[in-house]
């Protein structure tokens, strides 16, 4: 998911981080806010993700291995404004932490209305 988020940032696709359910979205939302996340390191993934070493070695041999420093750096550099999701800082802040599905849907729809409004 981290790689896809970095790709969205690089290509200008709106990025919505619903972090209230945990997982990678929660860690990325914290990184966007500037918080250091040990989960977003190669060392952490090698120690905590079964068979990640095999996957990383295959990616390395195909010359497509991810650089966690670059991926995390793109999140930190983008900040909330760089998400280009039509939400202001307060709305993104809610999206980063809420576990209310209705609120997540409402926030994403609000953002989509803003980024697709061509009037």
PDB file of N, CA and C in Angstrom:
ATOM      1  N   UNK A   1       0.808  -1.193   0.000  1.00  0.00           N
ATOM      2  CA  UNK A   1       0.000   0.000   0.000  1.00  0.00           C
ATOM      3  C   UNK A   1       0.860   1.269   0.000  1.00  0.00           C
ATOM      4  N   UNK A   2       1.993   1.212   0.654  1.00  0.00           N
ATOM      5  CA  UNK A   2       2.880   2.380   0.692  1.00  0.00           C
ATOM      6  C   UNK A   2       3.337   2.764  -0.705  1.00  0.00           C
ATOM      7  N   UNK A   3       3.671   1.760  -1.505  1.00  0.00           N
ATOM      8  CA  UNK A   3       4.124   2.036  -2.870  1.00  0.00           C
ATOM      9  C   UNK A   3       3.015   2.686  -3.694  1.00  0.00           C
ATOM     10  N   UNK A   4       1.788   2.206  -3.537  1.00  0.00           N
ATOM     11  CA  UNK A   4       0.662   2.769  -4.280  1.00  0.00           C
ATOM     12  C   UNK A   4       0.389   4.209  -3.852  1.00  0.00           C
ATOM     13  N   UNK A   5       0.525   4.487  -2.564  1.00  0.00           N
ATOM     14  CA  UNK A   5       0.321   5.848  -2.075  1.00  0.00           C
ATOM     15  C   UNK A   5       1.375   6.787  -2.657  1.00  0.00           C
ATOM     16  N   UNK A   6       2.624   6.336  -2.686  1.00  0.00           N
ATOM     17  CA  UNK A   6       3.687   7.165  -3.262  1.00  0.00           C
ATOM     18  C   UNK A   6       3.439   7.418  -4.744  1.00  0.00           C
ATOM     19  N   UNK A   7       2.942   6.413  -5.442  1.00  0.00           N
ATOM     20  CA  UNK A   7       2.615   6.571  -6.857  1.00  0.00           C
ATOM     21  C   UNK A   7       1.486   7.582  -7.032  1.00  0.00           C
ATOM     22  N   UNK A   8       0.469   7.523  -6.179  1.00  0.00           N
ATOM     23  CA  UNK A   8      -0.631   8.494  -6.249  1.00  0.00           C
ATOM     24  C   UNK A   8      -0.105   9.908  -6.038  1.00  0.00           C
ATOM     25  N   UNK A   9       0.772  10.083  -5.068  1.00  0.00           N
ATOM     26  CA  UNK A   9       1.343  11.409  -4.819  1.00  0.00           C
ATOM     27  C   UNK A   9       2.134  11.894  -6.017  1.00  0.00           C
ATOM     28  N   UNK A  10       2.923  11.003  -6.597  1.00  0.00           N
ATOM     29  CA  UNK A  10       3.774  11.362  -7.733  1.00  0.00           C
ATOM     30  C   UNK A  10       2.961  11.740  -8.966  1.00  0.00           C
ATOM     31  N   UNK A  11       1.805  11.111  -9.152  1.00  0.00           N
ATOM     32  CA  UNK A  11       1.006  11.341 -10.361  1.00  0.00           C
ATOM     33  C   UNK A  11      -0.143  12.317 -10.146  1.00  0.00           C
ATOM     34  N   UNK A  12      -0.316  12.800  -8.915  1.00  0.00           N
ATOM     35  CA  UNK A  12      -1.367  13.778  -8.652  1.00  0.00           C
ATOM     36  C   UNK A  12      -2.747  13.191  -8.442  1.00  0.00           C
ATOM     37  N   UNK A  13      -2.830  11.886  -8.263  1.00  0.00           N
ATOM     38  CA  UNK A  13      -4.118  11.242  -7.991  1.00  0.00           C
ATOM     39  C   UNK A  13      -4.489  11.536  -6.536  1.00  0.00           C
ATOM     40  N   UNK A  14      -5.734  11.931  -6.267  1.00  0.00           N
ATOM     41  CA  UNK A  14      -6.130  12.201  -4.881  1.00  0.00           C
ATOM     42  C   UNK A  14      -5.890  10.975  -3.991  1.00  0.00           C
ATOM     43  N   UNK A  15      -5.397  11.223  -2.789  1.00  0.00           N
ATOM     44  CA  UNK A  15      -5.090  10.153  -1.851  1.00  0.00           C
ATOM     45  C   UNK A  15      -5.886  10.363  -0.567  1.00  0.00           C
ATOM     46  N   UNK A  16      -6.652   9.362  -0.191  1.00  0.00           N
ATOM     47  CA  UNK A  16      -7.461   9.390   1.022  1.00  0.00           C
ATOM     48  C   UNK A  16      -6.915   8.344   1.979  1.00  0.00           C
ATOM     49  N   UNK A  17      -6.468   8.771   3.156  1.00  0.00           N
ATOM     50  CA  UNK A  17      -5.895   7.863   4.138  1.00  0.00           C
ATOM     51  C   UNK A  17      -6.860   7.688   5.306  1.00  0.00           C
ATOM     52  N   UNK A  18      -7.634   6.611   5.245  1.00  0.00           N
ATOM     53  CA  UNK A  18      -8.574   6.289   6.316  1.00  0.00           C
ATOM     54  C   UNK A  18      -7.821   5.469   7.355  1.00  0.00           C
ATOM     55  N   UNK A  19      -7.209   6.160   8.290  1.00  0.00           N
ATOM     56  CA  UNK A  19      -6.322   5.512   9.240  1.00  0.00           C
ATOM     57  C   UNK A  19      -6.965   4.972  10.495  1.00  0.00           C
ATOM     58  N   UNK A  20      -8.237   5.235  10.709  1.00  0.00           N
ATOM     59  CA  UNK A  20      -8.899   4.824  11.938  1.00  0.00           C
ATOM     60  C   UNK A  20      -9.076   3.334  12.108  1.00  0.00           C
ATOM     61  N   UNK A  21      -8.812   2.566  11.070  1.00  0.00           N
ATOM     62  CA  UNK A  21      -8.963   1.117  11.146  1.00  0.00           C
ATOM     63  C   UNK A  21      -7.613   0.434  11.332  1.00  0.00           C
ATOM     64  N   UNK A  22      -6.562   1.234  11.488  1.00  0.00           N
ATOM     65  CA  UNK A  22      -5.229   0.685  11.705  1.00  0.00           C
ATOM     66  C   UNK A  22      -4.530   0.384  10.395  1.00  0.00           C
ATOM     67  N   UNK A  23      -3.562  -0.477  10.470  1.00  0.00           N
ATOM     68  CA  UNK A  23      -2.840  -0.912   9.284  1.00  0.00           C
ATOM     69  C   UNK A  23      -1.951   0.167   8.689  1.00  0.00           C
ATOM     70  N   UNK A  24      -1.607  -0.059   7.450  1.00  0.00           N
ATOM     71  CA  UNK A  24      -0.673   0.831   6.756  1.00  0.00           C
ATOM     72  C   UNK A  24      -1.229   2.245   6.605  1.00  0.00           C
ATOM     73  N   UNK A  25      -2.533   2.382   6.388  1.00  0.00           N
ATOM     74  CA  UNK A  25      -3.118   3.724   6.240  1.00  0.00           C
ATOM     75  C   UNK A  25      -2.906   4.553   7.500  1.00  0.00           C
ATOM     76  N   UNK A  26      -3.031   3.925   8.662  1.00  0.00           N
ATOM     77  CA  UNK A  26      -2.820   4.644   9.922  1.00  0.00           C
ATOM     78  C   UNK A  26      -1.362   5.089  10.052  1.00  0.00           C
ATOM     79  N   UNK A  27      -0.448   4.218   9.693  1.00  0.00           N
ATOM     80  CA  UNK A  27       0.973   4.538   9.782  1.00  0.00           C
ATOM     81  C   UNK A  27       1.330   5.633   8.779  1.00  0.00           C
ATOM     82  N   UNK A  28       0.771   5.549   7.566  1.00  0.00           N
ATOM     83  CA  UNK A  28       1.049   6.581   6.557  1.00  0.00           C
ATOM     84  C   UNK A  28       0.461   7.918   6.969  1.00  0.00           C
ATOM     85  N   UNK A  29      -0.730   7.909   7.567  1.00  0.00           N
ATOM     86  CA  UNK A  29      -1.340   9.161   8.013  1.00  0.00           C
ATOM     87  C   UNK A  29      -0.447   9.834   9.054  1.00  0.00           C
ATOM     88  N   UNK A  30       0.113   9.047   9.955  1.00  0.00           N
ATOM     89  CA  UNK A  30       1.027   9.612  10.950  1.00  0.00           C
ATOM     90  C   UNK A  30       2.275  10.169  10.277  1.00  0.00           C
ATOM     91  N   UNK A  31       2.779   9.479   9.255  1.00  0.00           N
ATOM     92  CA  UNK A  31       3.963   9.961   8.533  1.00  0.00           C
ATOM     93  C   UNK A  31       3.670  11.263   7.807  1.00  0.00           C
ATOM     94  N   UNK A  32       2.473  11.391   7.225  1.00  0.00           N
ATOM     95  CA  UNK A  32       2.086  12.642   6.557  1.00  0.00           C
ATOM     96  C   UNK A  32       2.145  13.789   7.563  1.00  0.00           C
ATOM     97  N   UNK A  33       1.773  13.490   8.792  1.00  0.00           N
ATOM     98  CA  UNK A  33       1.822  14.492   9.848  1.00  0.00           C
ATOM     99  C   UNK A  33       3.221  14.746  10.379  1.00  0.00           C
ATOM    100  N   UNK A  34       4.213  14.012   9.869  1.00  0.00           N
ATOM    101  CA  UNK A  34       5.591  14.245  10.263  1.00  0.00           C
ATOM    102  C   UNK A  34       6.112  13.340  11.366  1.00  0.00           C
ATOM    103  N   UNK A  35       5.295  12.395  11.803  1.00  0.00           N
ATOM    104  CA  UNK A  35       5.698  11.486  12.868  1.00  0.00           C
ATOM    105  C   UNK A  35       6.539  10.340  12.307  1.00  0.00           C
ATOM    106  N   UNK A  36       7.647  10.027  12.953  1.00  0.00           N
ATOM    107  CA  UNK A  36       8.508   8.926  12.531  1.00  0.00           C
ATOM    108  C   UNK A  36       7.803   7.603  12.789  1.00  0.00           C
ATOM    109  N   UNK A  37       7.812   6.739  11.787  1.00  0.00           N
ATOM    110  CA  UNK A  37       7.126   5.460  11.884  1.00  0.00           C
ATOM    111  C   UNK A  37       8.105   4.319  11.631  1.00  0.00           C
ATOM    112  N   UNK A  38       8.440   3.563  12.676  1.00  0.00           N
ATOM    113  CA  UNK A  38       9.394   2.468  12.516  1.00  0.00           C
ATOM    114  C   UNK A  38       8.849   1.370  11.616  1.00  0.00           C
ATOM    115  N   UNK A  39       7.509   1.280  11.486  1.00  0.00           N
ATOM    116  CA  UNK A  39       6.917   0.250  10.633  1.00  0.00           C
ATOM    117  C   UNK A  39       7.247   0.474   9.160  1.00  0.00           C
ATOM    118  N   UNK A  40       7.604   1.690   8.810  1.00  0.00           N
ATOM    119  CA  UNK A  40       7.886   2.031   7.422  1.00  0.00           C
ATOM    120  C   UNK A  40       9.386   1.975   7.140  1.00  0.00           C
ATOM    121  N   UNK A  41      10.006   0.899   7.594  1.00  0.00           N
ATOM    122  CA  UNK A  41      11.426   0.684   7.335  1.00  0.00           C
ATOM    123  C   UNK A  41      11.628  -0.737   6.823  1.00  0.00           C
ATOM    124  N   UNK A  42      12.679  -0.917   6.073  1.00  0.00           N
ATOM    125  CA  UNK A  42      13.008  -2.242   5.563  1.00  0.00           C
ATOM    126  C   UNK A  42      13.279  -3.198   6.713  1.00  0.00           C
ATOM    127  N   UNK A  43      14.026  -2.749   7.704  1.00  0.00           N
ATOM    128  CA  UNK A  43      14.348  -3.602   8.846  1.00  0.00           C
ATOM    129  C   UNK A  43      13.087  -4.114   9.529  1.00  0.00           C
ATOM    130  N   UNK A  44      12.124  -3.235   9.759  1.00  0.00           N
ATOM    131  CA  UNK A  44      10.878  -3.639  10.409  1.00  0.00           C
ATOM    132  C   UNK A  44      10.148  -4.681   9.560  1.00  0.00           C
ATOM    133  N   UNK A  45      10.054  -4.432   8.270  1.00  0.00           N
ATOM    134  CA  UNK A  45       9.344  -5.366   7.396  1.00  0.00           C
ATOM    135  C   UNK A  45      10.029  -6.729   7.350  1.00  0.00           C
ATOM    136  N   UNK A  46      11.350  -6.732   7.321  1.00  0.00           N
ATOM    137  CA  UNK A  46      12.076  -7.998   7.303  1.00  0.00           C
ATOM    138  C   UNK A  46      11.844  -8.795   8.582  1.00  0.00           C
ATOM    139  N   UNK A  47      11.712  -8.095   9.716  1.00  0.00           N
ATOM    140  CA  UNK A  47      11.512  -8.778  10.996  1.00  0.00           C
ATOM    141  C   UNK A  47      10.065  -9.167  11.261  1.00  0.00           C
ATOM    142  N   UNK A  48       9.097  -8.453  10.683  1.00  0.00           N
ATOM    143  CA  UNK A  48       7.701  -8.659  11.069  1.00  0.00           C
ATOM    144  C   UNK A  48       6.778  -9.190   9.969  1.00  0.00           C
ATOM    145  N   UNK A  49       7.226  -9.213   8.748  1.00  0.00           N
ATOM    146  CA  UNK A  49       6.364  -9.666   7.654  1.00  0.00           C
ATOM    147  C   UNK A  49       6.894 -10.991   7.123  1.00  0.00           C
ATOM    148  N   UNK A  50       6.119 -12.067   7.305  1.00  0.00           N
ATOM    149  CA  UNK A  50       6.578 -13.377   6.846  1.00  0.00           C
ATOM    150  C   UNK A  50       6.954 -13.351   5.358  1.00  0.00           C
ATOM    151  N   UNK A  51       8.101 -13.905   5.062  1.00  0.00           N
ATOM    152  CA  UNK A  51       8.610 -14.085   3.702  1.00  0.00           C
ATOM    153  C   UNK A  51       8.902 -12.771   2.975  1.00  0.00           C
ATOM    154  N   UNK A  52       8.921 -11.644   3.713  1.00  0.00           N
ATOM    155  CA  UNK A  52       9.224 -10.374   3.065  1.00  0.00           C
ATOM    156  C   UNK A  52      10.635 -10.385   2.476  1.00  0.00           C
ATOM    157  N   UNK A  53      11.550 -11.059   3.144  1.00  0.00           N
ATOM    158  CA  UNK A  53      12.918 -11.140   2.646  1.00  0.00           C
ATOM    159  C   UNK A  53      12.979 -11.748   1.258  1.00  0.00           C
ATOM    160  N   UNK A  54      12.189 -12.807   1.042  1.00  0.00           N
ATOM    161  CA  UNK A  54      12.148 -13.432  -0.284  1.00  0.00           C
ATOM    162  C   UNK A  54      11.593 -12.465  -1.330  1.00  0.00           C
ATOM    163  N   UNK A  55      10.523 -11.786  -0.967  1.00  0.00           N
ATOM    164  CA  UNK A  55       9.915 -10.819  -1.879  1.00  0.00           C
ATOM    165  C   UNK A  55      10.891  -9.687  -2.190  1.00  0.00           C
ATOM    166  N   UNK A  56      11.558  -9.189  -1.164  1.00  0.00           N
ATOM    167  CA  UNK A  56      12.508  -8.096  -1.363  1.00  0.00           C
ATOM    168  C   UNK A  56      13.668  -8.541  -2.252  1.00  0.00           C
ATOM    169  N   UNK A  57      14.177  -9.741  -2.001  1.00  0.00           N
ATOM    170  CA  UNK A  57      15.277 -10.253  -2.832  1.00  0.00           C
ATOM    171  C   UNK A  57      14.862 -10.373  -4.290  1.00  0.00           C
ATOM    172  N   UNK A  58      13.643 -10.855  -4.545  1.00  0.00           N
ATOM    173  CA  UNK A  58      13.146 -10.965  -5.919  1.00  0.00           C
ATOM    174  C   UNK A  58      13.026  -9.577  -6.550  1.00  0.00           C
ATOM    175  N   UNK A  59      12.520  -8.618  -5.794  1.00  0.00           N
ATOM    176  CA  UNK A  59      12.396  -7.248  -6.303  1.00  0.00           C
ATOM    177  C   UNK A  59      13.774  -6.654  -6.564  1.00  0.00           C
ATOM    178  N   UNK A  60      14.708  -6.940  -5.689  1.00  0.00           N
ATOM    179  CA  UNK A  60      16.071  -6.443  -5.849  1.00  0.00           C
ATOM    180  C   UNK A  60      16.715  -7.023  -7.113  1.00  0.00           C
ATOM    181  N   UNK A  61      16.515  -8.301  -7.350  1.00  0.00           N
ATOM    182  CA  UNK A  61      17.107  -8.919  -8.540  1.00  0.00           C
ATOM    183  C   UNK A  61      16.453  -8.409  -9.825  1.00  0.00           C
ATOM    184  N   UNK A  62      15.206  -7.944  -9.727  1.00  0.00           N
ATOM    185  CA  UNK A  62      14.517  -7.372 -10.892  1.00  0.00           C
ATOM    186  C   UNK A  62      14.713  -5.862 -10.971  1.00  0.00           C
ATOM    187  N   UNK A  63      15.528  -5.321 -10.056  1.00  0.00           N
ATOM    188  CA  UNK A  63      15.835  -3.892 -10.008  1.00  0.00           C
ATOM    189  C   UNK A  63      14.588  -3.029  -9.763  1.00  0.00           C
ATOM    190  N   UNK A  64      13.665  -3.536  -8.955  1.00  0.00           N
ATOM    191  CA  UNK A  64      12.465  -2.776  -8.607  1.00  0.00           C
ATOM    192  C   UNK A  64      12.230  -2.751  -7.085  1.00  0.00           C
ATOM    193  N   UNK A  65      13.281  -2.938  -6.322  1.00  0.00           N
ATOM    194  CA  UNK A  65      13.153  -2.950  -4.867  1.00  0.00           C
ATOM    195  C   UNK A  65      12.761  -1.567  -4.361  1.00  0.00           C
ATOM    196  N   UNK A  66      11.826  -1.509  -3.416  1.00  0.00           N
ATOM    197  CA  UNK A  66      11.396  -0.214  -2.891  1.00  0.00           C
ATOM    198  C   UNK A  66      12.463   0.409  -1.994  1.00  0.00           C
ATOM    199  N   UNK A  67      12.516   1.721  -2.019  1.00  0.00           N
ATOM    200  CA  UNK A  67      13.349   2.471  -1.090  1.00  0.00           C
ATOM    201  C   UNK A  67      12.415   3.067  -0.056  1.00  0.00           C
ATOM    202  N   UNK A  68      12.417   2.502   1.127  1.00  0.00           N
ATOM    203  CA  UNK A  68      11.517   2.996   2.164  1.00  0.00           C
ATOM    204  C   UNK A  68      11.784   4.449   2.493  1.00  0.00           C
ATOM    205  N   UNK A  69      13.052   4.846   2.497  1.00  0.00           N
ATOM    206  CA  UNK A  69      13.373   6.248   2.780  1.00  0.00           C
ATOM    207  C   UNK A  69      12.721   7.177   1.763  1.00  0.00           C
ATOM    208  N   UNK A  70      12.787   6.804   0.491  1.00  0.00           N
ATOM    209  CA  UNK A  70      12.170   7.635  -0.551  1.00  0.00           C
ATOM    210  C   UNK A  70      10.648   7.624  -0.433  1.00  0.00           C
ATOM    211  N   UNK A  71      10.071   6.454  -0.182  1.00  0.00           N
ATOM    212  CA  UNK A  71       8.617   6.353  -0.094  1.00  0.00           C
ATOM    213  C   UNK A  71       8.083   7.171   1.083  1.00  0.00           C
ATOM    214  N   UNK A  72       8.701   7.023   2.228  1.00  0.00           N
ATOM    215  CA  UNK A  72       8.275   7.780   3.410  1.00  0.00           C
ATOM    216  C   UNK A  72       8.552   9.262   3.201  1.00  0.00           C
ATOM    217  N   UNK A  73       9.680   9.567   2.588  1.00  0.00           N
ATOM    218  CA  UNK A  73      10.012  10.961   2.307  1.00  0.00           C
ATOM    219  C   UNK A  73       8.963  11.635   1.450  1.00  0.00           C
ATOM    220  N   UNK A  74       8.394  10.890   0.499  1.00  0.00           N
ATOM    221  CA  UNK A  74       7.354  11.485  -0.348  1.00  0.00           C
ATOM    222  C   UNK A  74       6.102  11.806   0.459  1.00  0.00           C
ATOM    223  N   UNK A  75       5.786  10.987   1.461  1.00  0.00           N
ATOM    224  CA  UNK A  75       4.630  11.275   2.323  1.00  0.00           C
ATOM    225  C   UNK A  75       4.885  12.502   3.181  1.00  0.00           C
ATOM    226  N   UNK A  76       6.049  12.541   3.796  1.00  0.00           N
ATOM    227  CA  UNK A  76       6.391  13.665   4.673  1.00  0.00           C
ATOM    228  C   UNK A  76       6.441  14.959   3.877  1.00  0.00           C
ATOM    229  N   UNK A  77       7.081  14.903   2.721  1.00  0.00           N
ATOM    230  CA  UNK A  77       7.195  16.089   1.869  1.00  0.00           C
ATOM    231  C   UNK A  77       5.824  16.567   1.388  1.00  0.00           C
ATOM    232  N   UNK A  78       4.954  15.656   1.045  1.00  0.00           N
ATOM    233  CA  UNK A  78       3.624  16.022   0.550  1.00  0.00           C
ATOM    234  C   UNK A  78       2.818  16.724   1.630  1.00  0.00           C
ATOM    235  N   UNK A  79       2.870  16.198   2.832  1.00  0.00           N
ATOM    236  CA  UNK A  79       2.032  16.742   3.889  1.00  0.00           C
ATOM    237  C   UNK A  79       0.566  16.626   3.502  1.00  0.00           C
ATOM    238  N   UNK A  80      -0.294  17.202   4.305  1.00  0.00           N
ATOM    239  CA  UNK A  80      -1.732  17.125   4.039  1.00  0.00           C
ATOM    240  C   UNK A  80      -2.094  17.778   2.712  1.00  0.00           C
ATOM    241  N   UNK A  81      -1.471  18.906   2.392  1.00  0.00           N
ATOM    242  CA  UNK A  81      -1.796  19.616   1.152  1.00  0.00           C
ATOM    243  C   UNK A  81      -1.473  18.772  -0.078  1.00  0.00           C
ATOM    244  N   UNK A  82      -0.421  17.985   0.014  1.00  0.00           N
ATOM    245  CA  UNK A  82       0.014  17.173  -1.112  1.00  0.00           C
ATOM    246  C   UNK A  82      -0.870  15.982  -1.404  1.00  0.00           C
ATOM    247  N   UNK A  83      -1.818  15.689  -0.524  1.00  0.00           N
ATOM    248  CA  UNK A  83      -2.731  14.575  -0.773  1.00  0.00           C
ATOM    249  C   UNK A  83      -3.690  14.884  -1.919  1.00  0.00           C
ATOM    250  N   UNK A  84      -3.892  16.159  -2.187  1.00  0.00           N
ATOM    251  CA  UNK A  84      -4.747  16.623  -3.294  1.00  0.00           C
ATOM    252  C   UNK A  84      -6.105  15.923  -3.318  1.00  0.00           C
ATOM    253  N   UNK A  85      -6.664  15.753  -2.132  1.00  0.00           N
ATOM    254  CA  UNK A  85      -7.916  15.006  -2.039  1.00  0.00           C
ATOM    255  C   UNK A  85      -9.146  15.874  -1.804  1.00  0.00           C
ATOM    256  N   UNK A  86      -8.987  17.182  -1.890  1.00  0.00           N
ATOM    257  CA  UNK A  86     -10.128  18.075  -1.744  1.00  0.00           C
ATOM    258  C   UNK A  86     -10.539  18.345  -0.315  1.00  0.00           C
ATOM    259  N   UNK A  87      -9.865  17.743   0.650  1.00  0.00           N
ATOM    260  CA  UNK A  87     -10.185  17.944   2.059  1.00  0.00           C
ATOM    261  C   UNK A  87      -9.201  18.920   2.685  1.00  0.00           C
ATOM    262  N   UNK A  88      -9.689  19.731   3.625  1.00  0.00           N
ATOM    263  CA  UNK A  88      -8.783  20.627   4.336  1.00  0.00           C
ATOM    264  C   UNK A  88      -8.084  19.853   5.453  1.00  0.00           C
ATOM    265  N   UNK A  89      -7.213  20.518   6.175  1.00  0.00           N
ATOM    266  CA  UNK A  89      -6.427  19.856   7.219  1.00  0.00           C
ATOM    267  C   UNK A  89      -7.317  19.240   8.293  1.00  0.00           C
ATOM    268  N   UNK A  90      -8.377  19.943   8.679  1.00  0.00           N
ATOM    269  CA  UNK A  90      -9.263  19.420   9.720  1.00  0.00           C
ATOM    270  C   UNK A  90      -9.980  18.153   9.254  1.00  0.00           C
ATOM    271  N   UNK A  91     -10.480  18.165   8.022  1.00  0.00           N
ATOM    272  CA  UNK A  91     -11.171  16.982   7.502  1.00  0.00           C
ATOM    273  C   UNK A  91     -10.205  15.810   7.332  1.00  0.00           C
ATOM    274  N   UNK A  92      -9.003  16.088   6.840  1.00  0.00           N
ATOM    275  CA  UNK A  92      -8.015  15.014   6.744  1.00  0.00           C
ATOM    276  C   UNK A  92      -7.669  14.484   8.129  1.00  0.00           C
ATOM    277  N   UNK A  93      -7.569  15.367   9.096  1.00  0.00           N
ATOM    278  CA  UNK A  93      -7.300  14.935  10.466  1.00  0.00           C
ATOM    279  C   UNK A  93      -8.352  13.965  10.969  1.00  0.00           C
ATOM    280  N   UNK A  94      -9.604  14.240  10.661  1.00  0.00           N
ATOM    281  CA  UNK A  94     -10.677  13.313  11.039  1.00  0.00           C
ATOM    282  C   UNK A  94     -10.547  11.995  10.280  1.00  0.00           C
ATOM    283  N   UNK A  95     -10.283  12.077   8.974  1.00  0.00           N
ATOM    284  CA  UNK A  95     -10.148  10.872   8.160  1.00  0.00           C
ATOM    285  C   UNK A  95      -8.998   9.998   8.666  1.00  0.00           C
ATOM    286  N   UNK A  96      -7.949  10.612   9.160  1.00  0.00           N
ATOM    287  CA  UNK A  96      -6.793   9.869   9.656  1.00  0.00           C
ATOM    288  C   UNK A  96      -7.110   9.036  10.891  1.00  0.00           C
ATOM    289  N   UNK A  97      -8.146   9.426  11.668  1.00  0.00           N
ATOM    290  CA  UNK A  97      -8.363   8.762  12.959  1.00  0.00           C
ATOM    291  C   UNK A  97      -9.724   8.099  13.142  1.00  0.00           C
ATOM    292  N   UNK A  98     -10.717   8.475  12.360  1.00  0.00           N
ATOM    293  CA  UNK A  98     -12.056   7.955  12.624  1.00  0.00           C
ATOM    294  C   UNK A  98     -12.190   6.483  12.226  1.00  0.00           C
ATOM    295  N   UNK A  99     -12.945   5.757  13.037  1.00  0.00           N
ATOM    296  CA  UNK A  99     -13.285   4.384  12.681  1.00  0.00           C
ATOM    297  C   UNK A  99     -14.786   4.264  12.408  1.00  0.00           C
ATOM    298  N   UNK A 100     -15.426   5.407  12.198  1.00  0.00           N
ATOM    299  CA  UNK A 100     -16.841   5.465  11.861  1.00  0.00           C
ATOM    300  C   UNK A 100     -16.970   5.392  10.334  1.00  0.00           C
ATOM    301  N   UNK A 101     -17.489   4.278   9.847  1.00  0.00           N
ATOM    302  CA  UNK A 101     -17.572   4.058   8.405  1.00  0.00           C
ATOM    303  C   UNK A 101     -18.373   5.157   7.723  1.00  0.00           C
ATOM    304  N   UNK A 102     -19.477   5.571   8.327  1.00  0.00           N
ATOM    305  CA  UNK A 102     -20.290   6.630   7.731  1.00  0.00           C
ATOM    306  C   UNK A 102     -19.505   7.933   7.606  1.00  0.00           C
ATOM    307  N   UNK A 103     -18.705   8.243   8.616  1.00  0.00           N
ATOM    308  CA  UNK A 103     -17.897   9.459   8.565  1.00  0.00           C
ATOM    309  C   UNK A 103     -16.820   9.346   7.481  1.00  0.00           C
ATOM    310  N   UNK A 104     -16.195   8.185   7.357  1.00  0.00           N
ATOM    311  CA  UNK A 104     -15.190   7.978   6.303  1.00  0.00           C
ATOM    312  C   UNK A 104     -15.819   8.201   4.941  1.00  0.00           C
ATOM    313  N   UNK A 105     -16.982   7.599   4.713  1.00  0.00           N
ATOM    314  CA  UNK A 105     -17.668   7.745   3.426  1.00  0.00           C
ATOM    315  C   UNK A 105     -18.014   9.207   3.174  1.00  0.00           C
ATOM    316  N   UNK A 106     -18.544   9.889   4.188  1.00  0.00           N
ATOM    317  CA  UNK A 106     -18.914  11.297   4.031  1.00  0.00           C
ATOM    318  C   UNK A 106     -17.691  12.156   3.703  1.00  0.00           C
ATOM    319  N   UNK A 107     -16.582  11.906   4.375  1.00  0.00           N
ATOM    320  CA  UNK A 107     -15.371  12.691   4.124  1.00  0.00           C
ATOM    321  C   UNK A 107     -14.814  12.438   2.721  1.00  0.00           C
ATOM    322  N   UNK A 108     -14.780  11.183   2.311  1.00  0.00           N
ATOM    323  CA  UNK A 108     -14.271  10.870   0.975  1.00  0.00           C
ATOM    324  C   UNK A 108     -15.179  11.486  -0.087  1.00  0.00           C
ATOM    325  N   UNK A 109     -16.474  11.392   0.105  1.00  0.00           N
ATOM    326  CA  UNK A 109     -17.397  12.008  -0.861  1.00  0.00           C
ATOM    327  C   UNK A 109     -17.232  13.522  -0.899  1.00  0.00           C
ATOM    328  N   UNK A 110     -17.034  14.147   0.258  1.00  0.00           N
ATOM    329  CA  UNK A 110     -16.802  15.597   0.300  1.00  0.00           C
ATOM    330  C   UNK A 110     -15.550  15.942  -0.504  1.00  0.00           C
ATOM    331  N   UNK A 111     -14.493  15.181  -0.286  1.00  0.00           N
ATOM    332  CA  UNK A 111     -13.263  15.438  -1.013  1.00  0.00           C
ATOM    333  C   UNK A 111     -13.419  15.209  -2.501  1.00  0.00           C
ATOM    334  N   UNK A 112     -14.100  14.138  -2.888  1.00  0.00           N
ATOM    335  CA  UNK A 112     -14.301  13.852  -4.307  1.00  0.00           C
ATOM    336  C   UNK A 112     -15.113  14.952  -4.989  1.00  0.00           C
ATOM    337  N   UNK A 113     -16.095  15.488  -4.276  1.00  0.00           N
ATOM    338  CA  UNK A 113     -16.870  16.594  -4.839  1.00  0.00           C
ATOM    339  C   UNK A 113     -15.960  17.796  -5.127  1.00  0.00           C
ATOM    340  N   UNK A 114     -15.017  18.036  -4.233  1.00  0.00           N
ATOM    341  CA  UNK A 114     -14.112  19.177  -4.411  1.00  0.00           C
ATOM    342  C   UNK A 114     -13.141  18.964  -5.567  1.00  0.00           C
ATOM    343  N   UNK A 115     -12.609  17.760  -5.695  1.00  0.00           N
ATOM    344  CA  UNK A 115     -11.605  17.547  -6.743  1.00  0.00           C
ATOM    345  C   UNK A 115     -12.226  17.332  -8.118  1.00  0.00           C
ATOM    346  N   UNK A 116     -13.525  17.033  -8.151  1.00  0.00           N
ATOM    347  CA  UNK A 116     -14.181  16.841  -9.463  1.00  0.00           C
ATOM    348  C   UNK A 116     -15.036  18.025  -9.857  1.00  0.00           C
ATOM    349  N   UNK A 117     -15.121  19.042  -8.992  1.00  0.00           N
ATOM    350  CA  UNK A 117     -15.922  20.237  -9.292  1.00  0.00           C
ATOM    351  C   UNK A 117     -15.201  21.060 -10.348  1.00  0.00           C
ATOM    352  N   UNK A 118     -15.741  21.093 -11.544  1.00  0.00           N
ATOM    353  CA  UNK A 118     -15.117  21.827 -12.642  1.00  0.00           C
ATOM    354  C   UNK A 118     -15.853  23.111 -12.970  1.00  0.00           C
ATOM    355  N   UNK A 119     -16.814  23.468 -12.137  1.00  0.00           N
ATOM    356  CA  UNK A 119     -17.624  24.656 -12.405  1.00  0.00           C
ATOM    357  C   UNK A 119     -16.867  25.933 -12.241  1.00  0.00           C
TER     358      UNK A 119
END
